[in-house]
All heavy atoms as atom14 arrays in JSON, in Angstrom:
{
  "sequence": "KSYEFERWAGLVDIFYNKQHVGKSLEQRDVFLKFLSLTKELNAKRAN",
  "atom14_mask": [
    [1, 1, 1, 1, 1, 1, 1, 1, 1, 0, 0, 0, 0, 0],
    [1, 1, 1, 1, 1, 1, 0, 0, 0, 0, 0, 0, 0, 0],
    [1, 1, 1, 1, 1, 1, 1, 1, 1, 1, 1, 1, 0, 0],
    [1, 1, 1, 1, 1, 1, 1, 1, 1, 0, 0, 0, 0, 0],
    [1, 1, 1, 1, 1, 1, 1, 1, 1, 1, 1, 0, 0, 0],
    [1, 1, 1, 1, 1, 1, 1, 1, 1, 0, 0, 0, 0, 0],
    [1, 1, 1, 1, 1, 1, 1, 1, 1, 1, 1, 0, 0, 0],
    [1, 1, 1, 1, 1, 1, 1, 1, 1, 1, 1, 1, 1, 1],
    [1, 1, 1, 1, 1, 0, 0, 0, 0, 0, 0, 0, 0, 0],
    [1, 1, 1, 1, 0, 0, 0, 0, 0, 0, 0, 0, 0, 0],
    [1, 1, 1, 1, 1, 1, 1, 1, 0, 0, 0, 0, 0, 0],
    [1, 1, 1, 1, 1, 1, 1, 0, 0, 0, 0, 0, 0, 0],
    [1, 1, 1, 1, 1, 1, 1, 1, 0, 0, 0, 0, 0, 0],
    [1, 1, 1, 1, 1, 1, 1, 1, 0, 0, 0, 0, 0, 0],
    [1, 1, 1, 1, 1, 1, 1, 1, 1, 1, 1, 0, 0, 0],
    [1, 1, 1, 1, 1, 1, 1, 1, 1, 1, 1, 1, 0, 0],
    [1, 1, 1, 1, 1, 1, 1, 1, 0, 0, 0, 0, 0, 0],
    [1, 1, 1, 1, 1, 1, 1, 1, 1, 0, 0, 0, 0, 0],
    [1, 1, 1, 1, 1, 1, 1, 1, 1, 0, 0, 0, 0, 0],
    [1, 1, 1, 1, 1, 1, 1, 1, 1, 1, 0, 0, 0, 0],
    [1, 1, 1, 1, 1, 1, 1, 0, 0, 0, 0, 0, 0, 0],
    [1, 1, 1, 1, 0, 0, 0, 0, 0, 0, 0, 0, 0, 0],
    [1, 1, 1, 1, 1, 1, 1, 1, 1, 0, 0, 0, 0, 0],
    [1, 1, 1, 1, 1, 1, 0, 0, 0, 0, 0, 0, 0, 0],
    [1, 1, 1, 1, 1, 1, 1, 1, 0, 0, 0, 0, 0, 0],
    [1, 1, 1, 1, 1, 1, 1, 1, 1, 0, 0, 0, 0, 0],
    [1, 1, 1, 1, 1, 1, 1, 1, 1, 0, 0, 0, 0, 0],
    [1, 1, 1, 1, 1, 1, 1, 1, 1, 1, 1, 0, 0, 0],
    [1, 1, 1, 1, 1, 1, 1, 1, 0, 0, 0, 0, 0, 0],
    [1, 1, 1, 1, 1, 1, 1, 0, 0, 0, 0, 0, 0, 0],
    [1, 1, 1, 1, 1, 1, 1, 1, 1, 1, 1, 0, 0, 0],
    [1, 1, 1, 1, 1, 1, 1, 1, 0, 0, 0, 0, 0, 0],
    [1, 1, 1, 1, 1, 1, 1, 1, 1, 0, 0, 0, 0, 0],
    [1, 1, 1, 1, 1, 1, 1, 1, 1, 1, 1, 0, 0, 0],
    [1, 1, 1, 1, 1, 1, 1, 1, 0, 0, 0, 0, 0, 0],
    [1, 1, 1, 1, 1, 1, 0, 0, 0, 0, 0, 0, 0, 0],
    [1, 1, 1, 1, 1, 1, 1, 1, 0, 0, 0, 0, 0, 0],
    [1, 1, 1, 1, 1, 1, 1, 0, 0, 0, 0, 0, 0, 0],
    [1, 1, 1, 1, 1, 1, 1, 1, 1, 0, 0, 0, 0, 0],
    [1, 1, 1, 1, 1, 1, 1, 1, 1, 0, 0, 0, 0, 0],
    [1, 1, 1, 1, 1, 1, 1, 1, 0, 0, 0, 0, 0, 0],
    [1, 1, 1, 1, 1, 1, 1, 1, 0, 0, 0, 0, 0, 0],
    [1, 1, 1, 1, 1, 0, 0, 0, 0, 0, 0, 0, 0, 0],
    [1, 1, 1, 1, 1, 1, 1, 1, 1, 0, 0, 0, 0, 0],
    [1, 1, 1, 1, 1, 1, 1, 1, 1, 1, 1, 0, 0, 0],
    [1, 1, 1, 1, 1, 0, 0, 0, 0, 0, 0, 0, 0, 0],
    [1, 1, 1, 1, 1, 1, 1, 1, 0, 0, 0, 0, 0, 0]
  ],
  "atom14_positions": [
    [[79.68, 88.23, 89.79], [79.59, 88.13, 88.32], [80.84, 88.7, 87.67], [81.18, 88.32, 86.54], [78.34, 88.87, 87.84], [77.99, 88.66, 86.35], [77.64, 87.22, 86.04], [76.35, 86.78, 86.68], [75.15, 87.37, 86.12], [0.0, 0.0, 0.0], [0.0, 0.0, 0.0], [0.0, 0.0, 0.0], [0.0, 0.0, 0.0], [0.0, 0.0, 0.0]],
    [[81.56, 89.58, 88.36], [82.78, 90.16, 87.81], [83.84, 89.08, 87.58], [84.64, 89.17, 86.64], [83.34, 91.24, 88.73], [83.73, 90.71, 89.98], [0.0, 0.0, 0.0], [0.0, 0.0, 0.0], [0.0, 0.0, 0.0], [0.0, 0.0, 0.0], [0.0, 0.0, 0.0], [0.0, 0.0, 0.0], [0.0, 0.0, 0.0], [0.0, 0.0, 0.0]],
    [[83.86, 88.04, 88.45], [84.81, 86.95, 88.27], [84.45, 86.11, 87.05], [85.33, 85.63, 86.32], [84.84, 86.07, 89.52], [85.41, 86.76, 90.73], [84.58, 87.25, 91.74], [86.79, 86.94, 90.87], [85.1, 87.89, 92.85], [87.32, 87.58, 91.99], [86.47, 88.06, 92.98], [86.99, 88.7, 94.07], [0.0, 0.0, 0.0], [0.0, 0.0, 0.0]],
    [[83.15, 85.93, 86.83], [82.71, 85.21, 85.65], [83.13, 85.95, 84.39], [83.6, 85.35, 83.42], [81.19, 85.03, 85.67], [80.64, 84.27, 86.87], [81.09, 82.82, 86.89], [81.42, 82.27, 85.82], [81.13, 82.23, 87.98], [0.0, 0.0, 0.0], [0.0, 0.0, 0.0], [0.0, 0.0, 0.0], [0.0, 0.0, 0.0], [0.0, 0.0, 0.0]],
    [[82.95, 87.26, 84.42], [83.34, 88.07, 83.27], [84.84, 87.98, 83.01], [85.29, 87.87, 81.86], [82.94, 89.53, 83.49], [83.54, 90.47, 82.48], [83.13, 90.44, 81.16], [84.53, 91.38, 82.86], [83.7, 91.3, 80.22], [85.09, 92.24, 81.94], [84.67, 92.2, 80.61], [0.0, 0.0, 0.0], [0.0, 0.0, 0.0], [0.0, 0.0, 0.0]],
    [[85.64, 87.99, 84.07], [87.09, 87.91, 83.93], [87.51, 86.61, 83.24], [88.34, 86.62, 82.32], [87.75, 88.02, 85.3], [89.27, 88.05, 85.25], [89.88, 88.23, 86.63], [89.28, 87.74, 87.62], [90.95, 88.85, 86.73], [0.0, 0.0, 0.0], [0.0, 0.0, 0.0], [0.0, 0.0, 0.0], [0.0, 0.0, 0.0], [0.0, 0.0, 0.0]],
    [[86.93, 85.49, 83.68], [87.24, 84.2, 83.05], [86.78, 84.19, 81.6], [87.49, 83.73, 80.7], [86.55, 83.06, 83.81], [87.04, 82.87, 85.25], [86.41, 81.61, 85.86], [86.73, 81.47, 87.28], [85.96, 81.86, 88.27], [84.78, 82.4, 88.0], [86.32, 81.69, 89.52], [0.0, 0.0, 0.0], [0.0, 0.0, 0.0], [0.0, 0.0, 0.0]],
    [[85.58, 84.69, 81.4], [85.0, 84.71, 80.05], [85.83, 85.56, 79.1], [86.08, 85.17, 77.96], [83.57, 85.23, 80.16], [82.82, 85.35, 78.88], [82.11, 84.38, 78.24], [82.66, 86.54, 78.09], [81.52, 84.88, 77.11], [81.85, 86.21, 76.99], [83.14, 87.85, 78.21], [81.5, 87.14, 76.02], [82.79, 88.77, 77.24], [81.98, 88.41, 76.16]],
    [[86.26, 86.74, 79.56], [87.08, 87.62, 78.72], [88.38, 86.94, 78.34], [88.9, 87.15, 77.24], [87.35, 88.94, 79.46], [0.0, 0.0, 0.0], [0.0, 0.0, 0.0], [0.0, 0.0, 0.0], [0.0, 0.0, 0.0], [0.0, 0.0, 0.0], [0.0, 0.0, 0.0], [0.0, 0.0, 0.0], [0.0, 0.0, 0.0], [0.0, 0.0, 0.0]],
    [[88.92, 86.13, 79.25], [90.13, 85.38, 78.94], [89.89, 84.38, 77.82], [90.75, 84.19, 76.94], [0.0, 0.0, 0.0], [0.0, 0.0, 0.0], [0.0, 0.0, 0.0], [0.0, 0.0, 0.0], [0.0, 0.0, 0.0], [0.0, 0.0, 0.0], [0.0, 0.0, 0.0], [0.0, 0.0, 0.0], [0.0, 0.0, 0.0], [0.0, 0.0, 0.0]],
    [[88.73, 83.74, 77.82], [88.37, 82.81, 76.75], [88.22, 83.52, 75.42], [88.66, 83.03, 74.37], [87.07, 82.08, 77.11], [87.13, 81.14, 78.31], [85.72, 80.65, 78.66], [88.04, 79.97, 78.05], [0.0, 0.0, 0.0], [0.0, 0.0, 0.0], [0.0, 0.0, 0.0], [0.0, 0.0, 0.0], [0.0, 0.0, 0.0], [0.0, 0.0, 0.0]],
    [[87.6, 84.69, 75.46], [87.44, 85.48, 74.23], [88.81, 85.82, 73.66], [89.04, 85.73, 72.44], [86.64, 86.77, 74.51], [86.66, 87.68, 73.29], [85.2, 86.43, 74.89], [0.0, 0.0, 0.0], [0.0, 0.0, 0.0], [0.0, 0.0, 0.0], [0.0, 0.0, 0.0], [0.0, 0.0, 0.0], [0.0, 0.0, 0.0], [0.0, 0.0, 0.0]],
    [[89.76, 86.19, 74.52], [91.11, 86.53, 74.06], [91.8, 85.34, 73.41], [92.46, 85.47, 72.38], [91.96, 87.03, 75.23], [91.72, 88.5, 75.55], [91.18, 89.21, 74.68], [92.07, 88.94, 76.65], [0.0, 0.0, 0.0], [0.0, 0.0, 0.0], [0.0, 0.0, 0.0], [0.0, 0.0, 0.0], [0.0, 0.0, 0.0], [0.0, 0.0, 0.0]],
    [[91.67, 84.17, 74.03], [92.29, 82.97, 73.47], [91.79, 82.72, 72.06], [92.56, 82.47, 71.14], [91.98, 81.74, 74.36], [92.76, 81.83, 75.68], [92.34, 80.43, 73.63], [92.4, 80.73, 76.67], [0.0, 0.0, 0.0], [0.0, 0.0, 0.0], [0.0, 0.0, 0.0], [0.0, 0.0, 0.0], [0.0, 0.0, 0.0], [0.0, 0.0, 0.0]],
    [[90.48, 82.8, 71.9], [89.88, 82.52, 70.6], [90.18, 83.63, 69.6], [90.51, 83.36, 68.43], [88.37, 82.35, 70.78], [87.72, 81.55, 69.68], [88.04, 80.22, 69.51], [86.78, 82.12, 68.84], [87.44, 79.47, 68.5], [86.17, 81.38, 67.84], [86.51, 80.05, 67.67], [0.0, 0.0, 0.0], [0.0, 0.0, 0.0], [0.0, 0.0, 0.0]],
    [[90.07, 84.88, 70.05], [90.29, 86.02, 69.15], [91.72, 86.05, 68.64], [91.98, 86.32, 67.46], [89.97, 87.32, 69.88], [90.14, 88.55, 69.01], [89.13, 88.93, 68.12], [91.3, 89.32, 69.07], [89.29, 90.04, 67.3], [91.47, 90.43, 68.27], [90.45, 90.79, 67.38], [90.62, 91.89, 66.58], [0.0, 0.0, 0.0], [0.0, 0.0, 0.0]],
    [[92.69, 85.77, 69.51], [94.11, 85.8, 69.13], [94.57, 84.51, 68.46], [95.76, 84.36, 68.16], [94.97, 86.08, 70.37], [94.73, 87.46, 70.93], [94.58, 88.43, 70.19], [94.68, 87.57, 72.25], [0.0, 0.0, 0.0], [0.0, 0.0, 0.0], [0.0, 0.0, 0.0], [0.0, 0.0, 0.0], [0.0, 0.0, 0.0], [0.0, 0.0, 0.0]],
    [[93.65, 83.57, 68.25], [93.91, 82.33, 67.53], [95.06, 81.53, 68.15], [95.86, 80.9, 67.43], [94.2, 82.62, 66.05], [93.02, 83.26, 65.34], [93.29, 83.47, 63.86], [92.08, 84.07, 63.17], [92.31, 84.29, 61.71], [0.0, 0.0, 0.0], [0.0, 0.0, 0.0], [0.0, 0.0, 0.0], [0.0, 0.0, 0.0], [0.0, 0.0, 0.0]],
    [[95.12, 81.56, 69.48], [96.16, 80.81, 70.17], [95.99, 79.3, 69.98], [96.94, 78.54, 70.18], [96.14, 81.15, 71.66], [96.43, 82.6, 71.99], [96.28, 82.9, 73.47], [96.45, 82.03, 74.31], [95.95, 84.14, 73.79], [0.0, 0.0, 0.0], [0.0, 0.0, 0.0], [0.0, 0.0, 0.0], [0.0, 0.0, 0.0], [0.0, 0.0, 0.0]],
    [[94.8, 78.89, 69.59], [94.5, 77.47, 69.44], [94.78, 76.95, 68.04], [94.67, 75.74, 67.78], [93.01, 77.24, 69.74], [92.09, 77.97, 68.82], [92.07, 79.35, 68.71], [91.16, 77.51, 67.93], [91.17, 79.7, 67.82], [90.61, 78.62, 67.33], [0.0, 0.0, 0.0], [0.0, 0.0, 0.0], [0.0, 0.0, 0.0], [0.0, 0.0, 0.0]],
    [[95.17, 77.82, 67.13], [95.35, 77.42, 65.73], [96.77, 76.89, 65.52], [97.75, 77.58, 65.78], [95.08, 78.61, 64.79], [95.36, 78.2, 63.34], [93.64, 79.09, 64.93], [0.0, 0.0, 0.0], [0.0, 0.0, 0.0], [0.0, 0.0, 0.0], [0.0, 0.0, 0.0], [0.0, 0.0, 0.0], [0.0, 0.0, 0.0], [0.0, 0.0, 0.0]],
    [[96.87, 75.67, 65.05], [98.17, 75.07, 64.8], [98.14, 73.58, 65.04], [97.16, 73.03, 65.56], [0.0, 0.0, 0.0], [0.0, 0.0, 0.0], [0.0, 0.0, 0.0], [0.0, 0.0, 0.0], [0.0, 0.0, 0.0], [0.0, 0.0, 0.0], [0.0, 0.0, 0.0], [0.0, 0.0, 0.0], [0.0, 0.0, 0.0], [0.0, 0.0, 0.0]],
    [[99.22, 72.9, 64.67], [99.26, 71.44, 64.76], [100.23, 70.92, 65.81], [100.45, 69.71, 65.91], [99.63, 70.86, 63.39], [98.6, 71.16, 62.31], [98.98, 70.5, 60.98], [97.91, 70.76, 59.92], [98.26, 70.09, 58.62], [0.0, 0.0, 0.0], [0.0, 0.0, 0.0], [0.0, 0.0, 0.0], [0.0, 0.0, 0.0], [0.0, 0.0, 0.0]],
    [[100.79, 71.81, 66.61], [101.74, 71.37, 67.63], [101.01, 71.04, 68.93], [99.86, 71.42, 69.13], [102.79, 72.45, 67.89], [102.23, 73.52, 68.61], [0.0, 0.0, 0.0], [0.0, 0.0, 0.0], [0.0, 0.0, 0.0], [0.0, 0.0, 0.0], [0.0, 0.0, 0.0], [0.0, 0.0, 0.0], [0.0, 0.0, 0.0], [0.0, 0.0, 0.0]],
    [[101.71, 70.35, 69.83], [101.13, 70.02, 71.12], [100.87, 71.28, 71.95], [100.05, 71.27, 72.87], [102.04, 69.06, 71.88], [102.16, 67.66, 71.27], [103.07, 66.78, 72.14], [100.79, 67.0, 71.12], [0.0, 0.0, 0.0], [0.0, 0.0, 0.0], [0.0, 0.0, 0.0], [0.0, 0.0, 0.0], [0.0, 0.0, 0.0], [0.0, 0.0, 0.0]],
    [[101.57, 72.35, 71.6], [101.33, 73.63, 72.28], [99.9, 74.1, 72.02], [99.23, 74.59, 72.93], [102.32, 74.68, 71.8], [102.18, 76.03, 72.48], [103.21, 77.04, 72.01], [104.11, 76.66, 71.22], [103.1, 78.21, 72.41], [0.0, 0.0, 0.0], [0.0, 0.0, 0.0], [0.0, 0.0, 0.0], [0.0, 0.0, 0.0], [0.0, 0.0, 0.0]],
    [[99.45, 73.94, 70.78], [98.06, 74.31, 70.46], [97.07, 73.34, 71.14], [96.02, 73.74, 71.59], [97.83, 74.32, 68.95], [98.21, 75.61, 68.27], [99.72, 75.77, 68.13], [100.39, 74.87, 67.63], [100.25, 76.9, 68.58], [0.0, 0.0, 0.0], [0.0, 0.0, 0.0], [0.0, 0.0, 0.0], [0.0, 0.0, 0.0], [0.0, 0.0, 0.0]],
    [[97.46, 72.06, 71.21], [96.59, 71.12, 71.92], [96.39, 71.57, 73.37], [95.29, 71.5, 73.91], [97.22, 69.72, 71.9], [96.4, 68.66, 72.63], [97.25, 67.51, 73.14], [98.21, 67.97, 74.15], [99.03, 67.15, 74.81], [99.03, 65.86, 74.55], [99.87, 67.65, 75.71], [0.0, 0.0, 0.0], [0.0, 0.0, 0.0], [0.0, 0.0, 0.0]],
    [[97.47, 72.05, 73.97], [97.39, 72.48, 75.36], [96.53, 73.73, 75.53], [95.96, 73.95, 76.59], [98.8, 72.73, 75.92], [99.58, 71.43, 76.09], [98.96, 70.36, 76.09], [100.83, 71.51, 76.21], [0.0, 0.0, 0.0], [0.0, 0.0, 0.0], [0.0, 0.0, 0.0], [0.0, 0.0, 0.0], [0.0, 0.0, 0.0], [0.0, 0.0, 0.0]],
    [[96.45, 74.55, 74.48], [95.55, 75.71, 74.52], [94.11, 75.23, 74.58], [93.29, 75.8, 75.31], [95.78, 76.62, 73.29], [94.71, 77.72, 73.24], [97.16, 77.26, 73.33], [0.0, 0.0, 0.0], [0.0, 0.0, 0.0], [0.0, 0.0, 0.0], [0.0, 0.0, 0.0], [0.0, 0.0, 0.0], [0.0, 0.0, 0.0], [0.0, 0.0, 0.0]],
    [[93.79, 74.18, 73.83], [92.45, 73.6, 73.9], [92.15, 73.09, 75.3], [91.04, 73.27, 75.82], [92.31, 72.46, 72.89], [92.01, 72.9, 71.48], [93.01, 73.31, 70.63], [90.7, 72.93, 71.02], [92.73, 73.71, 69.33], [90.4, 73.34, 69.74], [91.42, 73.74, 68.89], [0.0, 0.0, 0.0], [0.0, 0.0, 0.0], [0.0, 0.0, 0.0]],
    [[93.14, 72.46, 75.91], [92.95, 71.97, 77.28], [92.71, 73.12, 78.25], [91.87, 73.02, 79.15], [94.19, 71.17, 77.71], [94.32, 69.78, 77.08], [95.71, 69.2, 77.36], [93.24, 68.85, 77.6], [0.0, 0.0, 0.0], [0.0, 0.0, 0.0], [0.0, 0.0, 0.0], [0.0, 0.0, 0.0], [0.0, 0.0, 0.0], [0.0, 0.0, 0.0]],
    [[93.43, 74.22, 78.05], [93.24, 75.4, 78.9], [91.84, 75.96, 78.71], [91.16, 76.32, 79.69], [94.28, 76.46, 78.57], [94.14, 77.74, 79.38], [95.2, 78.76, 78.98], [95.04, 80.06, 79.78], [96.07, 81.07, 79.36], [0.0, 0.0, 0.0], [0.0, 0.0, 0.0], [0.0, 0.0, 0.0], [0.0, 0.0, 0.0], [0.0, 0.0, 0.0]],
    [[91.39, 76.03, 77.47], [90.06, 76.56, 77.19], [89.0, 75.7, 77.85], [88.05, 76.21, 78.46], [89.82, 76.61, 75.68], [88.6, 77.39, 75.28], [88.71, 78.68, 74.79], [87.32, 76.83, 75.4], [87.57, 79.4, 74.43], [86.19, 77.55, 75.05], [86.33, 78.84, 74.56], [0.0, 0.0, 0.0], [0.0, 0.0, 0.0], [0.0, 0.0, 0.0]],
    [[89.15, 74.38, 77.75], [88.17, 73.48, 78.35], [88.14, 73.64, 79.86], [87.08, 73.63, 80.49], [88.51, 72.03, 77.98], [88.23, 71.63, 76.52], [88.79, 70.25, 76.24], [86.74, 71.67, 76.21], [0.0, 0.0, 0.0], [0.0, 0.0, 0.0], [0.0, 0.0, 0.0], [0.0, 0.0, 0.0], [0.0, 0.0, 0.0], [0.0, 0.0, 0.0]],
    [[89.32, 73.8, 80.48], [89.39, 73.98, 81.92], [88.69, 75.26, 82.36], [87.91, 75.26, 83.32], [90.85, 74.0, 82.38], [90.95, 74.23, 83.76], [0.0, 0.0, 0.0], [0.0, 0.0, 0.0], [0.0, 0.0, 0.0], [0.0, 0.0, 0.0], [0.0, 0.0, 0.0], [0.0, 0.0, 0.0], [0.0, 0.0, 0.0], [0.0, 0.0, 0.0]],
    [[88.94, 76.36, 81.63], [88.31, 77.63, 81.96], [86.81, 77.58, 81.72], [86.03, 78.16, 82.47], [88.94, 78.76, 81.13], [90.36, 79.17, 81.51], [90.92, 80.16, 80.48], [90.4, 79.78, 82.9], [0.0, 0.0, 0.0], [0.0, 0.0, 0.0], [0.0, 0.0, 0.0], [0.0, 0.0, 0.0], [0.0, 0.0, 0.0], [0.0, 0.0, 0.0]],
    [[86.4, 76.86, 80.69], [84.98, 76.72, 80.38], [84.26, 75.99, 81.5], [83.13, 76.33, 81.88], [84.78, 75.97, 79.05], [85.38, 76.72, 77.99], [83.31, 75.78, 78.73], [0.0, 0.0, 0.0], [0.0, 0.0, 0.0], [0.0, 0.0, 0.0], [0.0, 0.0, 0.0], [0.0, 0.0, 0.0], [0.0, 0.0, 0.0], [0.0, 0.0, 0.0]],
    [[84.91, 74.98, 82.05], [84.31, 74.22, 83.14], [84.18, 75.07, 84.4], [83.21, 74.96, 85.16], [85.14, 72.97, 83.45], [84.47, 72.02, 84.43], [85.25, 70.73, 84.57], [84.56, 69.76, 85.53], [85.3, 68.48, 85.65], [0.0, 0.0, 0.0], [0.0, 0.0, 0.0], [0.0, 0.0, 0.0], [0.0, 0.0, 0.0], [0.0, 0.0, 0.0]],
    [[85.15, 75.96, 84.63], [85.11, 76.84, 85.8], [84.04, 77.92, 85.66], [83.5, 78.41, 86.65], [86.47, 77.52, 86.0], [87.59, 76.56, 86.4], [88.93, 77.28, 86.47], [88.94, 78.54, 86.38], [89.95, 76.6, 86.61], [0.0, 0.0, 0.0], [0.0, 0.0, 0.0], [0.0, 0.0, 0.0], [0.0, 0.0, 0.0], [0.0, 0.0, 0.0]],
    [[83.72, 78.27, 84.43], [82.76, 79.33, 84.18], [81.37, 78.88, 84.64], [80.9, 77.81, 84.29], [82.73, 79.67, 82.69], [82.1, 80.99, 82.27], [82.88, 82.17, 82.83], [82.05, 81.08, 80.74], [0.0, 0.0, 0.0], [0.0, 0.0, 0.0], [0.0, 0.0, 0.0], [0.0, 0.0, 0.0], [0.0, 0.0, 0.0], [0.0, 0.0, 0.0]],
    [[80.73, 79.73, 85.45], [79.4, 79.42, 85.98], [79.38, 78.08, 86.73], [78.39, 77.34, 86.67], [78.36, 79.39, 84.85], [78.29, 80.71, 84.11], [78.27, 81.78, 84.71], [78.27, 80.65, 82.78], [0.0, 0.0, 0.0], [0.0, 0.0, 0.0], [0.0, 0.0, 0.0], [0.0, 0.0, 0.0], [0.0, 0.0, 0.0], [0.0, 0.0, 0.0]],
    [[80.49, 77.78, 87.42], [80.61, 76.5, 88.11], [79.55, 76.33, 89.2], [79.18, 75.2, 89.54], [82.01, 76.37, 88.72], [0.0, 0.0, 0.0], [0.0, 0.0, 0.0], [0.0, 0.0, 0.0], [0.0, 0.0, 0.0], [0.0, 0.0, 0.0], [0.0, 0.0, 0.0], [0.0, 0.0, 0.0], [0.0, 0.0, 0.0], [0.0, 0.0, 0.0]],
    [[79.06, 77.43, 89.75], [78.04, 77.33, 90.8], [76.75, 76.75, 90.29], [75.97, 76.18, 91.05], [77.8, 78.71, 91.42], [78.98, 79.25, 92.23], [78.65, 80.59, 92.84], [79.82, 81.11, 93.66], [79.54, 82.44, 94.26], [0.0, 0.0, 0.0], [0.0, 0.0, 0.0], [0.0, 0.0, 0.0], [0.0, 0.0, 0.0], [0.0, 0.0, 0.0]],
    [[76.5, 76.92, 88.97], [75.31, 76.32, 88.37], [75.73, 74.99, 87.74], [76.02, 74.91, 86.55], [74.7, 77.25, 87.32], [74.21, 78.56, 87.89], [73.25, 79.25, 86.94], [73.86, 79.56, 85.67], [74.49, 80.72, 85.42], [74.58, 81.64, 86.36], [75.02, 80.95, 84.24], [0.0, 0.0, 0.0], [0.0, 0.0, 0.0], [0.0, 0.0, 0.0]],
    [[75.8, 73.97, 88.57], [76.32, 72.67, 88.13], [75.54, 72.15, 86.92], [74.31, 72.08, 86.94], [76.25, 71.67, 89.27], [0.0, 0.0, 0.0], [0.0, 0.0, 0.0], [0.0, 0.0, 0.0], [0.0, 0.0, 0.0], [0.0, 0.0, 0.0], [0.0, 0.0, 0.0], [0.0, 0.0, 0.0], [0.0, 0.0, 0.0], [0.0, 0.0, 0.0]],
    [[76.26, 71.81, 85.86], [75.66, 71.27, 84.65], [76.36, 69.94, 84.36], [77.47, 69.92, 83.84], [75.83, 72.24, 83.49], [75.09, 71.8, 82.24], [75.07, 70.62, 81.9], [74.49, 72.75, 81.54], [0.0, 0.0, 0.0], [0.0, 0.0, 0.0], [0.0, 0.0, 0.0], [0.0, 0.0, 0.0], [0.0, 0.0, 0.0], [0.0, 0.0, 0.0]]
  ]
}
């Protein structure tokens, strides 16, 4: 569960620091990173 927390805390940081806010492709790529990490989170419980 510590690995799940580590991934999750990274997502919280992305959102809290507003790394996704903006209109450049750099911000688009932050969304892609968030989606990738979200998919990895709790991956053992296939949804």
